């Protein structure tokens, strides 16, 4: 089975007052007008944001993040990795940073209670599972690459469209454990003719049961 490097932990923004974010697209050496955004998640390697204006996939931008309480602002080069529309006219964007953010910045955000760094990392695994796509009835095999409080990363042979729902089914000695997920991002045609999809939990109570199931020793991947 293909081995994947787990992503850096993603942290939910607990409160966004005092955080000002502007995205400034750059193309052909010219700077466009900055686009205001709301920060929803942050990690060493990227961020998830809400905007009223979409940006082209793979476009480069300069992201300015200012924290009023910290009397601090940072500028970071970023790339739009994925985007999808929401129902209220907003867009949710996933941006990758280059280079990654410094450890000290996330420490400061945790100290000011913008984020909670306890127990929100991603756990790598190679747990066997099945998925049922929203548009189909049959269960299809899948592999859970990693999981966290907010969702799972799956290796699958067939993919569903962004925003669609899928059902995750994991068989345990005590029976089946299921959770409903929403597809947030995907990478098509990865090695071995498989695809990689990132999904968020829809039901947080079910997500707790699924995480407990995956935390069991028989499901957690142990490196040799």
Protein backbone atom coordinates (compact mmCIF):
# COMPACT_ATOMS: atom_id res chain seq x y z
CA UNK A 1 0.00 0.00 0.00
CA UNK A 2 1.25 3.49 -0.83
CA UNK A 3 2.81 5.31 2.15
CA UNK A 4 1.90 8.97 2.72
CA UNK A 5 3.59 11.59 4.88
CA UNK A 6 1.05 12.95 7.34
CA UNK A 7 0.29 16.67 7.14
CA UNK A 8 1.20 19.08 9.91
CA UNK A 9 -1.55 19.48 12.55
CA UNK A 10 -4.36 21.88 11.67
CA UNK A 11 -5.81 24.11 14.38
CA UNK A 12 -9.31 25.58 14.45
CA UNK A 13 -9.48 29.32 15.08
CA UNK A 14 -11.42 29.60 18.35
CA UNK A 15 -12.14 33.33 17.96
CA UNK A 16 -11.48 35.58 15.00
CA UNK A 17 -11.93 39.01 16.53
CA UNK A 18 -8.68 40.93 16.31
CA UNK A 19 -7.45 38.89 13.32
CA UNK A 20 -7.22 40.76 10.03
CA UNK A 21 -6.36 38.76 6.90
CA UNK A 22 -5.80 40.06 3.38
CA UNK A 23 -4.94 38.01 0.29
CA UNK A 24 -3.02 39.82 -2.41
CA UNK A 25 -2.80 37.84 -5.67
CA UNK A 26 0.41 38.24 -7.65
CA UNK A 27 0.67 37.51 -11.35
CA UNK A 28 3.28 38.51 -13.91
CA UNK A 29 4.99 40.60 -11.26
CA UNK A 30 1.94 42.83 -10.74
CA UNK A 31 -0.02 43.04 -7.50
CA UNK A 32 -3.81 43.02 -7.56
CA UNK A 33 -6.09 44.65 -5.00
CA UNK A 34 -6.01 42.86 -1.61
CA UNK A 35 -8.97 40.59 -0.80
CA UNK A 36 -10.24 40.48 2.81
CA UNK A 37 -10.63 37.02 4.30
CA UNK A 38 -11.56 35.28 7.54
CA UNK A 39 -9.17 32.74 9.02
CA UNK A 40 -10.84 29.42 9.96
CA UNK A 41 -7.91 27.01 10.39
CA UNK A 42 -4.15 27.38 10.49
CA UNK A 43 -1.16 25.04 10.50
CA UNK A 44 2.57 25.27 9.93
CA UNK A 45 2.00 24.55 6.25
CA UNK A 46 -1.20 26.35 5.33
CA UNK A 47 -4.58 27.84 6.20
CA UNK A 48 -8.27 27.50 5.50
CA UNK A 49 -10.08 30.80 4.86
CA UNK A 50 -13.46 32.27 3.96
CA UNK A 51 -13.71 35.00 1.32
CA UNK A 52 -16.34 36.71 -0.81
CA UNK A 53 -14.16 36.34 -3.90
CA UNK A 54 -12.70 33.16 -5.31
CA UNK A 55 -9.15 32.76 -6.57
CA UNK A 56 -7.84 30.51 -9.31
CA UNK A 57 -6.44 27.16 -8.26
CA UNK A 58 -2.64 27.11 -8.09
CA UNK A 59 -2.51 30.92 -8.17
CA UNK A 60 0.17 32.55 -6.03
CA UNK A 61 -0.55 35.24 -3.48
CA UNK A 62 0.90 37.15 -0.59
CA UNK A 63 -1.08 36.65 2.62
CA UNK A 64 -1.00 39.29 5.35
CA UNK A 65 -2.15 38.15 8.80
CA UNK A 66 -2.33 40.75 11.57
CA UNK A 67 -3.10 39.96 15.23
CA UNK A 68 -4.18 43.04 17.16
CA UNK A 69 -3.55 41.60 20.64
CA UNK A 70 -0.10 40.39 19.67
CA UNK A 71 0.76 43.69 17.99
CA UNK A 72 2.17 41.48 15.29
CA UNK A 73 1.64 40.93 11.59
CA UNK A 74 3.19 38.48 9.21
CA UNK A 75 3.47 38.23 5.44
CA UNK A 76 3.74 34.79 3.88
CA UNK A 77 3.83 33.51 0.33
CA UNK A 78 1.00 31.10 -0.36
CA UNK A 79 -0.60 29.06 -3.12
CA UNK A 80 -4.31 28.32 -3.58
CA UNK A 81 -4.50 24.53 -3.23
CA UNK A 82 -8.29 24.12 -3.40
CA UNK A 83 -11.51 26.15 -3.34
CA UNK A 84 -15.23 25.47 -3.18
CA UNK A 85 -18.36 27.67 -2.96
CA UNK A 86 -20.60 27.82 0.07
CA UNK A 87 -24.34 28.44 0.14
CA UNK A 88 -24.23 32.08 1.32
CA UNK A 89 -22.07 33.45 -1.48
CA UNK A 90 -18.79 32.88 0.35
CA UNK A 91 -15.92 30.73 -0.80
CA UNK A 92 -13.75 28.48 1.35
CA UNK A 93 -10.11 28.32 0.26
CA UNK A 94 -7.23 26.08 1.21
CA UNK A 95 -3.85 27.79 0.91
CA UNK A 96 -0.38 26.26 1.24
CA UNK A 97 2.42 28.33 2.79
CA UNK A 98 5.99 28.51 1.49
CA UNK A 99 7.99 28.49 3.71
CA UNK A 100 6.12 27.08 6.70
CA UNK A 101 5.19 29.25 9.68
CA UNK A 102 7.58 29.36 12.65
CA UNK A 103 6.81 27.36 15.80
CA UNK A 104 6.89 30.58 17.86
CA UNK A 105 3.88 32.02 16.01
CA UNK A 106 1.62 29.06 16.77
CA UNK A 107 2.85 29.11 20.39
CA UNK A 108 1.82 32.77 20.63
CA UNK A 109 -1.60 32.03 19.12
CA UNK A 110 -2.14 29.26 21.67
CA UNK A 111 -1.07 31.55 24.54
CA UNK A 112 -3.63 34.16 23.43
CA UNK A 113 -6.30 31.41 23.08
CA UNK A 114 -6.75 31.91 19.34
CA UNK A 115 -6.09 28.17 18.91
CA UNK A 116 -5.99 25.08 21.11
CA UNK A 117 -2.92 22.98 20.38
CA UNK A 118 -3.88 20.12 22.69
CA UNK A 119 -4.73 16.86 21.00
CA UNK A 120 -5.47 18.26 17.56
CA UNK A 121 -2.72 16.58 15.59
CA UNK A 122 -3.25 14.06 12.82
CA UNK A 123 -2.62 10.37 13.51
CA UNK A 124 -1.17 8.27 10.67
CA UNK A 125 -2.67 4.84 10.12
CA UNK A 126 -3.27 2.23 7.45
CA UNK A 127 -6.69 1.16 8.69
CA UNK A 128 -8.83 -0.75 6.21
CA UNK A 129 -12.29 0.72 5.69
CA UNK A 130 -15.19 0.97 3.25
CA UNK A 131 -16.96 4.01 1.85
CA UNK A 132 -20.39 4.53 0.36
CA UNK A 133 -20.65 7.48 -2.01
CA UNK A 134 -23.66 9.78 -1.94
CA UNK A 135 -24.41 8.92 -5.56
CA UNK A 136 -24.04 5.13 -5.13
CA UNK A 137 -25.31 2.34 -2.89
CA UNK A 138 -22.42 -0.12 -2.95
CA UNK A 139 -19.66 -0.15 -0.35
CA UNK A 140 -16.20 0.37 -1.85
CA UNK A 141 -12.84 -0.41 -0.23
CA UNK A 142 -10.72 2.43 1.16
CA UNK A 143 -7.68 2.97 3.34
CA UNK A 144 -7.57 5.59 6.10
CA UNK A 145 -4.23 7.40 5.69
CA UNK A 146 -4.60 9.64 8.74
CA UNK A 147 -7.29 11.08 11.00
CA UNK A 148 -7.82 13.96 13.39
CA UNK A 149 -10.52 15.64 15.47
CA UNK A 150 -11.97 17.28 12.37
CA UNK A 151 -11.78 14.59 9.69
CA UNK A 152 -9.92 11.87 7.84
CA UNK A 153 -7.71 11.47 4.80
CA UNK A 154 -8.66 8.49 2.63
CA UNK A 155 -7.00 6.55 -0.18
CA UNK A 156 -9.73 5.37 -2.58
CA UNK A 157 -10.16 3.91 -6.05
CA UNK A 158 -13.19 6.08 -6.90
CA UNK A 159 -13.75 9.70 -5.93
CA UNK A 160 -16.80 11.83 -5.27
CA UNK A 161 -17.18 15.50 -6.16
CA UNK A 162 -16.12 18.23 -3.74
CA UNK A 163 -18.82 19.01 -1.22
CA UNK A 164 -20.57 15.65 -1.64
CA UNK A 165 -21.23 13.32 1.29
CA UNK A 166 -19.79 9.86 1.80
CA UNK A 167 -20.29 7.28 4.52
CA UNK A 168 -17.20 5.80 6.17
CA UNK A 169 -17.52 2.26 7.54
CA UNK A 170 -14.86 0.59 9.70
CA UNK A 171 -15.27 -3.02 10.80
CA UNK A 172 -14.21 -3.76 14.39
CA UNK A 173 -14.34 -6.90 16.56
CA UNK A 174 -17.45 -5.37 18.16
CA UNK A 175 -19.23 -4.57 14.91
CA UNK A 176 -19.29 -1.75 12.36
CA UNK A 177 -18.51 1.89 13.15
CA UNK A 178 -19.87 4.49 10.72
CA UNK A 179 -19.53 8.24 10.18
CA UNK A 180 -20.86 10.64 7.57
CA UNK A 181 -18.21 12.79 5.90
CA UNK A 182 -18.06 15.67 3.44
CA UNK A 183 -15.36 15.73 0.74
CA UNK A 184 -13.24 18.90 1.15
CA UNK A 185 -10.30 18.27 -1.17
CA UNK A 186 -8.95 15.61 -3.51
CA UNK A 187 -5.84 14.56 -5.41
CA UNK A 188 -6.64 12.51 -8.48
CA UNK A 189 -4.59 9.70 -10.04
CA UNK A 190 -1.96 9.29 -7.37
CA UNK A 191 0.40 6.27 -7.62
CA UNK A 192 -1.12 2.79 -7.87
CA UNK A 193 -4.16 4.20 -9.72
CA UNK A 194 -5.64 5.45 -6.44
CA UNK A 195 -6.92 8.85 -5.34
CA UNK A 196 -6.43 10.79 -2.11
CA UNK A 197 -9.38 12.66 -0.57
CA UNK A 198 -9.66 14.81 2.55
CA UNK A 199 -13.01 14.69 4.37
CA UNK A 200 -14.52 16.50 7.35
CA UNK A 201 -16.98 14.97 9.82
CA UNK A 202 -20.60 16.07 9.54
CA UNK A 203 -21.74 14.64 12.90
CA UNK A 204 -19.30 15.45 15.73
CA UNK A 205 -20.79 12.80 18.03
CA UNK A 206 -20.18 10.15 15.39
CA UNK A 207 -16.68 11.56 14.85
CA UNK A 208 -15.84 10.97 18.50
CA UNK A 209 -16.88 7.34 18.24
CA UNK A 210 -14.90 6.90 15.03
CA UNK A 211 -11.75 8.45 16.54
CA UNK A 212 -12.06 6.18 19.55
CA UNK A 213 -12.38 3.21 17.22
CA UNK A 214 -9.30 4.24 15.21
CA UNK A 215 -7.32 4.89 18.38
CA UNK A 216 -7.54 1.19 19.22
CA UNK A 217 -4.14 -0.45 18.84
CA UNK A 218 -5.28 -2.90 16.17
CA UNK A 219 -6.09 -0.03 13.79
CA UNK A 220 -3.19 2.39 14.38
CA UNK A 221 -0.36 1.97 11.91
CA UNK A 222 2.93 1.19 13.64
CA UNK A 223 6.11 2.12 11.76
CA UNK A 224 8.69 -0.63 11.48
